Amino acid sequence: MNHQNTKFDCLHFRGSIPCKPNKTDGSICTNCQHYSPIQKRILIIKLGALGDVIRTTPLIEKLRLIHKNAHITWLTLSPSILPKQGIDELLCLNEVSLFNLQHTAFDIVINLDKDKEACLLTSLVSAEEKYGFTWQDGHIAACTPAAERKLLTGYFDSLSKENTKSYLEEIFEICHFKFNKEEYLIHLNDKMASFWKEKFVKLSDGKIIIGLNTGCGPRWNTRLWSDEKWIETARSLQENGYFPIFLGGELEHAKNERLSIASNVYYPGHFSLEEFIAITNCCDAIVTQVTMMMHIATALKKKMVLMNTIFNPFEFELYGRGILVGPPSPCQCYFGNSCQFDAPCMLSIESNVVVDAMEKIL
């Protein structure tokens, strides 16, 4: 075979190393039954917070439906959380990736991050079509008019409060698509999931397992619920015949140990993100504030009670598997990290309301 016979445009082509069909059955380009010419080269830029990365993944299903033989590259700060299926190339934001992307021609670039570095990169990458946000005349700009509304709602709280569309509806429209309940995708370590499933089956004695996610990160502390509310909720669920467990990350470790002792409710400890996802997968339902757990639970198709105060309630897509619980009176601290009142709105959400909501979805 001559070098010019190589199918450089094949989805299986891997540059300087053998492709999967060659390793599997010895196929070479001159007699290969697996040849799949790339129809579109697509780059997705979504760097930001882990939850935001997860809730962008429904675009993969839509892109695969519309562009059957597309090669999809995803640039992010956290490639380990994304599924290997559906994404051909996962890139971590670093100097090598930036160099390669600036010297690669794409058909479509989608940037859904409004950070300066993501927008600057979008303006530099070569592509026939660009959607989302870019950099122009020294400031952030919309690639197409479809992205302008999302920029304005980011600039002005008054416009953001008027929004009645979910985040997924918004990003699909930015990409000139219509959202049809395409699901989240996430990487799940099956080996870890099996280990914890076996462990929880023994611990729970067959009871419904409800994960209580007590943390929310430091960005918006107004999302935090009190220890007393968590203890009361855990005890109530236990009394109602469920098997609640406390969940969280390193920041919540001491708190969850405290809650576990006070309520006599199981806490497995804190683990890597990959194992945290595996543990969450073993739960039948989740109680959480608006945080990364909300997106992990959604991706794993878990039933969920979601407590919200400071965010626009229309933003969330729960796929019919969740109930949104808020304070009796609408929160006035929109996207605020401190409360303007003596008693934060989160504390006006009562434990019995959360428990009743969980009973309803179960």
Protein backbone atom coordinates (compact mmCIF):
# COMPACT_ATOMS: atom_id res chain seq x y z
CA MET A 1 0.00 0.00 0.00
CA ASN A 2 1.18 3.53 -0.82
CA HIS A 3 1.00 6.39 1.68
CA GLN A 4 -1.38 8.30 -0.59
CA ASN A 5 -3.93 5.48 -0.15
CA THR A 6 -4.29 6.26 3.55
CA LYS A 7 -7.80 7.46 4.44
CA PHE A 8 -6.88 10.54 6.44
CA ASP A 9 -10.54 11.59 6.54
CA CYS A 10 -11.71 8.42 8.31
CA LEU A 11 -13.26 8.62 11.77
CA HIS A 12 -10.96 5.80 12.87
CA PHE A 13 -7.72 7.47 11.72
CA ARG A 14 -5.52 8.18 14.75
CA GLY A 15 -2.58 10.04 13.28
CA SER A 16 0.69 8.16 13.68
CA ILE A 17 -0.62 5.00 15.40
CA PRO A 18 -2.82 2.07 14.27
CA CYS A 19 -6.58 2.60 14.25
CA LYS A 20 -8.95 0.35 16.17
CA PRO A 21 -10.05 -1.73 13.11
CA ASN A 22 -6.40 -2.38 12.26
CA LYS A 23 -5.72 -3.58 15.81
CA THR A 24 -8.93 -5.65 15.86
CA ASP A 25 -8.94 -7.47 12.53
CA GLY A 26 -5.86 -6.24 10.64
CA SER A 27 -7.79 -3.95 8.28
CA ILE A 28 -5.82 -1.45 6.19
CA CYS A 29 -7.19 1.40 4.13
CA THR A 30 -7.09 -0.35 0.75
CA ASN A 31 -9.48 -3.12 1.82
CA CYS A 32 -11.21 -1.79 4.94
CA GLN A 33 -14.91 -2.37 5.57
CA HIS A 34 -14.89 0.12 8.45
CA TYR A 35 -14.09 3.25 6.46
CA SER A 36 -16.26 6.12 7.70
CA PRO A 37 -15.43 9.46 6.11
CA ILE A 38 -15.74 12.43 8.46
CA GLN A 39 -18.54 14.73 7.36
CA LYS A 40 -18.02 17.48 9.93
CA ARG A 41 -15.26 18.37 12.34
CA ILE A 42 -16.84 19.94 15.41
CA LEU A 43 -15.15 21.63 18.37
CA ILE A 44 -17.01 22.25 21.64
CA ILE A 45 -15.44 24.64 24.13
CA LYS A 46 -16.85 24.32 27.65
CA LEU A 47 -14.19 24.92 30.23
CA GLY A 48 -16.01 26.10 33.32
CA ALA A 49 -17.45 24.58 36.45
CA LEU A 50 -17.97 20.81 36.48
CA GLY A 51 -21.74 21.14 36.71
CA ASP A 52 -21.81 23.45 33.71
CA VAL A 53 -19.71 20.97 31.73
CA ILE A 54 -22.10 18.11 32.56
CA ARG A 55 -25.21 20.10 31.66
CA THR A 56 -23.80 20.91 28.23
CA THR A 57 -23.53 17.22 27.25
CA PRO A 58 -27.11 16.91 25.86
CA LEU A 59 -25.73 18.70 22.79
CA ILE A 60 -23.80 15.53 21.93
CA GLU A 61 -26.98 13.57 21.18
CA LYS A 62 -28.31 16.38 18.98
CA LEU A 63 -25.04 16.78 17.09
CA ARG A 64 -24.83 13.03 16.49
CA LEU A 65 -28.40 13.01 15.19
CA ILE A 66 -27.82 15.87 12.74
CA HIS A 67 -24.23 15.10 11.74
CA LYS A 68 -24.04 11.32 11.47
CA ASN A 69 -20.30 11.02 10.79
CA ALA A 70 -19.04 13.97 12.76
CA HIS A 71 -15.71 14.02 14.56
CA ILE A 72 -16.34 15.82 17.87
CA THR A 73 -13.55 17.39 19.91
CA TRP A 74 -14.30 18.79 23.38
CA LEU A 75 -11.97 21.23 25.15
CA THR A 76 -12.44 21.49 28.92
CA LEU A 77 -10.68 21.81 32.24
CA SER A 78 -12.13 18.51 33.41
CA PRO A 79 -12.08 15.82 30.68
CA SER A 80 -12.36 12.95 33.18
CA ILE A 81 -16.02 13.72 33.89
CA LEU A 82 -17.07 13.43 30.24
CA PRO A 83 -18.10 10.10 28.66
CA LYS A 84 -15.75 8.45 26.20
CA GLN A 85 -18.72 7.42 24.06
CA GLY A 86 -19.95 10.12 21.73
CA ILE A 87 -16.85 12.31 21.98
CA ASP A 88 -13.96 11.45 19.66
CA GLU A 89 -11.29 13.61 21.26
CA LEU A 90 -11.19 15.01 24.79
CA LEU A 91 -8.71 17.83 25.33
CA CYS A 92 -7.63 19.45 28.57
CA LEU A 93 -6.95 23.18 28.45
CA ASN A 94 -3.15 23.51 28.19
CA GLU A 95 -0.50 24.98 25.89
CA VAL A 96 -0.30 21.90 23.65
CA SER A 97 -4.07 21.75 23.12
CA LEU A 98 -4.23 25.48 22.36
CA PHE A 99 -1.42 25.18 19.82
CA ASN A 100 -3.06 22.21 18.10
CA LEU A 101 -6.50 23.82 17.98
CA GLN A 102 -5.17 27.02 16.47
CA HIS A 103 -3.63 24.96 13.66
CA THR A 104 -6.66 22.76 12.97
CA ALA A 105 -9.51 23.61 10.63
CA PHE A 106 -13.01 22.85 11.92
CA ASP A 107 -16.38 23.00 10.24
CA ILE A 108 -18.21 24.02 13.42
CA VAL A 109 -17.06 25.61 16.67
CA ILE A 110 -19.43 25.88 19.64
CA ASN A 111 -18.28 27.97 22.61
CA LEU A 112 -20.72 28.19 25.51
CA ASP A 113 -18.27 29.76 27.96
CA LYS A 114 -18.29 33.51 28.47
CA ASP A 115 -14.81 33.57 29.99
CA LYS A 116 -12.29 35.75 28.16
CA GLU A 117 -9.88 32.89 27.36
CA ALA A 118 -12.63 30.75 25.80
CA CYS A 119 -13.95 33.65 23.72
CA LEU A 120 -10.47 34.64 22.56
CA LEU A 121 -9.77 31.06 21.49
CA THR A 122 -13.06 30.93 19.58
CA SER A 123 -12.05 34.05 17.66
CA LEU A 124 -8.70 32.45 16.75
CA VAL A 125 -9.82 28.96 15.74
CA SER A 126 -10.57 28.45 12.05
CA ALA A 127 -14.14 27.30 11.37
CA GLU A 128 -16.84 27.81 8.75
CA GLU A 129 -19.57 28.12 11.40
CA LYS A 130 -19.29 29.47 14.94
CA TYR A 131 -21.98 29.43 17.61
CA GLY A 132 -22.07 30.85 21.10
CA PHE A 133 -19.60 33.46 22.29
CA THR A 134 -16.45 34.97 20.80
CA TRP A 135 -14.17 37.99 21.21
CA GLN A 136 -14.50 41.10 19.07
CA ASP A 137 -13.32 44.73 19.37
CA GLY A 138 -11.86 44.08 22.81
CA HIS A 139 -14.95 42.52 24.43
CA ILE A 140 -17.14 39.45 24.49
CA ALA A 141 -19.51 39.14 21.53
CA ALA A 142 -22.14 36.80 20.10
CA CYS A 143 -21.12 34.52 17.24
CA THR A 144 -24.67 34.80 15.88
CA PRO A 145 -27.70 36.85 16.96
CA ALA A 146 -29.07 33.73 18.67
CA ALA A 147 -26.51 34.17 21.47
CA GLU A 148 -27.21 37.84 22.16
CA ARG A 149 -30.07 37.27 24.61
CA LYS A 150 -27.89 35.03 26.78
CA LEU A 151 -25.27 37.77 26.95
CA LEU A 152 -27.83 40.37 27.98
CA THR A 153 -29.29 38.19 30.74
CA GLY A 154 -25.74 37.80 32.03
CA TYR A 155 -25.20 41.56 32.10
CA PHE A 156 -28.48 42.56 33.76
CA ASP A 157 -30.32 40.84 36.64
CA SER A 158 -33.61 42.43 35.60
CA LEU A 159 -33.48 40.67 32.22
CA SER A 160 -32.28 37.42 33.80
CA LYS A 161 -35.29 37.40 36.14
CA GLU A 162 -37.63 37.67 33.14
CA ASN A 163 -36.25 34.50 31.57
CA THR A 164 -38.68 31.56 31.38
CA LYS A 165 -36.47 29.11 29.49
CA SER A 166 -34.30 26.37 30.91
CA TYR A 167 -30.54 26.54 30.45
CA LEU A 168 -30.77 23.67 27.96
CA GLU A 169 -33.41 25.43 25.90
CA GLU A 170 -31.16 28.47 25.82
CA ILE A 171 -27.95 26.72 24.75
CA PHE A 172 -29.79 24.65 22.13
CA GLU A 173 -31.23 27.85 20.65
CA ILE A 174 -27.76 29.42 20.70
CA CYS A 175 -26.63 26.49 18.54
CA HIS A 176 -29.69 26.95 16.27
CA PHE A 177 -31.31 23.74 17.58
CA LYS A 178 -34.54 22.90 19.38
CA PHE A 179 -34.24 21.10 22.72
CA ASN A 180 -36.20 17.82 22.74
CA LYS A 181 -35.32 16.49 26.19
CA GLU A 182 -31.95 15.15 25.10
CA GLU A 183 -30.32 13.60 28.19
CA TYR A 184 -27.14 14.44 30.05
CA LEU A 185 -24.06 12.23 29.60
CA ILE A 186 -21.41 11.45 32.21
CA HIS A 187 -18.48 9.12 32.75
CA LEU A 188 -19.37 6.31 35.18
CA ASN A 189 -16.72 3.90 36.43
CA ASP A 190 -18.60 0.60 36.29
CA LYS A 191 -16.13 -1.21 38.54
CA MET A 192 -16.49 1.39 41.30
CA ALA A 193 -20.25 1.49 40.85
CA SER A 194 -20.50 -2.30 41.24
CA PHE A 195 -18.37 -2.24 44.39
CA TRP A 196 -20.53 0.39 46.08
CA LYS A 197 -23.77 -1.18 44.88
CA GLU A 198 -22.86 -4.44 46.58
CA LYS A 199 -21.87 -2.57 49.74
CA PHE A 200 -25.08 -0.53 49.87
CA VAL A 201 -27.30 -3.55 49.26
CA LYS A 202 -25.93 -5.09 52.47
CA LEU A 203 -26.08 -1.86 54.47
CA SER A 204 -29.57 -0.82 53.39
CA ASP A 205 -31.16 -4.25 53.74
CA GLY A 206 -33.14 -3.60 50.56
CA LYS A 207 -34.46 -0.18 51.59
CA ILE A 208 -34.67 2.75 49.19
CA ILE A 209 -31.38 4.68 49.38
CA ILE A 210 -31.61 8.47 49.53
CA GLY A 211 -28.46 10.56 49.19
CA LEU A 212 -28.38 13.80 51.17
CA ASN A 213 -25.86 16.12 49.55
CA THR A 214 -24.97 18.71 52.19
CA GLY A 215 -22.43 20.89 50.35
CA CYS A 216 -22.62 23.56 47.68
CA GLY A 217 -19.15 25.06 47.30
CA PRO A 218 -18.06 28.49 48.50
CA ARG A 219 -19.23 30.63 45.58
CA TRP A 220 -22.79 31.15 46.84
CA ASN A 221 -23.01 30.38 50.54
CA THR A 222 -26.66 31.43 50.50
CA ARG A 223 -27.39 27.91 49.21
CA LEU A 224 -26.32 26.26 52.47
CA TRP A 225 -28.94 24.56 54.65
CA SER A 226 -28.42 24.34 58.41
CA ASP A 227 -27.11 21.28 60.23
CA GLU A 228 -30.36 21.11 62.18
CA LYS A 229 -32.42 20.87 58.98
CA TRP A 230 -30.21 18.09 57.60
CA ILE A 231 -30.36 16.12 60.84
CA GLU A 232 -34.16 16.47 61.03
CA THR A 233 -34.52 15.41 57.38
CA ALA A 234 -32.23 12.41 57.78
CA ARG A 235 -34.06 11.22 60.88
CA SER A 236 -37.48 11.66 59.27
CA LEU A 237 -36.49 9.69 56.18
CA GLN A 238 -35.05 6.95 58.38
CA GLU A 239 -38.24 6.80 60.44
CA ASN A 240 -40.25 6.55 57.21
CA GLY A 241 -38.41 3.35 56.27
CA TYR A 242 -35.77 4.71 53.90
CA PHE A 243 -31.98 4.39 54.08
CA PRO A 244 -30.57 7.95 53.95
CA ILE A 245 -26.85 8.58 53.58
CA PHE A 246 -24.88 11.82 53.81
CA LEU A 247 -22.82 12.80 50.78
CA GLY A 248 -20.31 15.54 50.03
CA GLY A 249 -16.77 16.41 49.13
CA GLU A 250 -13.68 17.25 51.12
CA LEU A 251 -15.13 20.61 52.19
CA GLU A 252 -18.10 18.84 53.79
CA HIS A 253 -16.17 15.97 55.40
CA ALA A 254 -16.07 17.29 58.97
CA LYS A 255 -19.66 18.51 58.69
CA ASN A 256 -20.92 15.15 57.41
CA GLU A 257 -19.09 13.28 60.17
CA ARG A 258 -20.83 15.57 62.64
CA LEU A 259 -24.24 15.08 61.02
CA SER A 260 -23.78 11.31 60.86
CA ILE A 261 -23.06 11.05 64.59
CA ALA A 262 -25.92 13.38 65.53
CA SER A 263 -28.51 11.57 63.39
CA ASN A 264 -27.15 8.01 63.44
CA VAL A 265 -27.25 8.06 59.62
CA TYR A 266 -24.55 6.49 57.45
CA TYR A 267 -21.78 8.59 55.89
CA PRO A 268 -19.36 6.72 53.58
CA GLY A 269 -16.68 9.44 53.65
CA HIS A 270 -15.33 11.67 50.89
CA PHE A 271 -13.67 10.33 47.77
CA SER A 272 -12.41 11.33 44.33
CA LEU A 273 -14.95 12.81 41.93
CA GLU A 274 -15.00 9.56 39.95
CA GLU A 275 -15.89 7.55 43.05
CA PHE A 276 -18.37 10.20 44.22
CA ILE A 277 -20.23 9.69 40.92
CA ALA A 278 -20.15 5.91 41.43
CA ILE A 279 -21.58 6.28 44.96
CA THR A 280 -24.31 8.63 43.72
CA ASN A 281 -25.22 6.05 41.10
CA CYS A 282 -26.10 3.63 43.92
CA CYS A 283 -28.71 6.00 45.35
CA ASP A 284 -32.35 5.77 44.31
CA ALA A 285 -32.97 9.46 44.96
CA ILE A 286 -31.08 12.62 45.93
CA VAL A 287 -31.76 15.69 48.07
CA THR A 288 -29.51 18.59 47.14
CA GLN A 289 -29.14 22.31 46.77
CA VAL A 290 -28.31 23.82 43.37
CA THR A 291 -24.76 22.56 42.94
CA MET A 292 -22.69 20.02 41.01
CA MET A 293 -24.62 17.15 42.59
CA MET A 294 -27.77 18.35 40.84
CA HIS A 295 -26.08 17.78 37.48
CA ILE A 296 -24.53 14.45 38.47
CA ALA A 297 -27.89 13.16 39.69
CA THR A 298 -29.59 14.39 36.54
CA ALA A 299 -26.99 12.66 34.36
CA LEU A 300 -27.49 9.43 36.31
CA LYS A 301 -31.29 9.80 35.92
CA LYS A 302 -31.94 9.87 39.66
CA LYS A 303 -35.11 11.13 41.28
CA MET A 304 -34.34 14.37 43.07
CA VAL A 305 -35.61 17.02 45.44
CA LEU A 306 -33.85 20.24 44.51
CA MET A 307 -33.75 23.16 46.96
CA ASN A 308 -33.44 26.56 45.30
CA THR A 309 -33.49 30.12 46.57
CA ILE A 310 -31.23 32.54 44.67
CA PHE A 311 -31.51 31.25 41.10
CA ASN A 312 -34.20 31.62 38.44
CA PRO A 313 -36.36 28.49 38.92
CA PHE A 314 -37.05 28.25 35.18
CA GLU A 315 -33.36 27.54 34.61
CA PHE A 316 -33.53 23.91 35.72
CA GLU A 317 -34.46 20.93 33.55
CA LEU A 318 -35.39 18.02 35.81
CA TYR A 319 -36.76 15.73 33.05
CA GLY A 320 -39.88 14.95 35.08
CA ARG A 321 -37.80 13.13 37.70
CA GLY A 322 -37.51 15.91 40.25
CA ILE A 323 -39.36 18.40 42.43
CA LEU A 324 -38.14 21.95 42.97
CA VAL A 325 -38.56 23.23 46.53
CA GLY A 326 -38.19 26.90 47.43
CA PRO A 327 -38.86 29.26 50.34
CA PRO A 328 -42.49 30.21 51.17
CA SER A 329 -41.76 33.78 50.03
CA PRO A 330 -39.66 34.43 46.90
CA CYS A 331 -35.98 35.03 47.61
CA GLN A 332 -34.82 38.63 47.12
CA CYS A 333 -31.07 37.93 46.99
CA TYR A 334 -30.83 37.02 43.31
CA PHE A 335 -27.46 35.32 42.62
CA GLY A 336 -26.29 36.67 45.97
CA ASN A 337 -23.52 35.26 48.16
CA SER A 338 -24.87 36.96 51.26
CA CYS A 339 -28.40 37.47 52.48
CA GLN A 340 -29.82 40.97 53.02
CA PHE A 341 -32.10 39.68 55.77
CA ASP A 342 -31.36 38.36 59.25
CA ALA A 343 -32.65 34.87 58.42
CA PRO A 344 -31.45 33.44 55.06
CA CYS A 345 -34.19 32.18 52.75
CA MET A 346 -32.70 28.67 52.78
CA LEU A 347 -33.56 28.39 56.46
CA SER A 348 -37.22 29.03 55.69
CA ILE A 349 -37.34 25.77 53.71
CA GLU A 350 -38.61 23.31 56.29
CA SER A 351 -37.48 19.71 56.60
CA ASN A 352 -41.04 18.35 56.39
CA VAL A 353 -41.50 20.06 53.00
CA VAL A 354 -38.41 18.30 51.65
CA VAL A 355 -39.48 14.95 53.10
CA ASP A 356 -43.00 15.32 51.69
CA ALA A 357 -41.55 16.14 48.27
CA MET A 358 -39.35 13.05 48.43
CA GLU A 359 -42.33 10.91 49.38
CA LYS A 360 -44.19 12.31 46.38
CA ILE A 361 -41.54 11.48 43.77
CA LEU A 362 -40.96 8.02 45.24
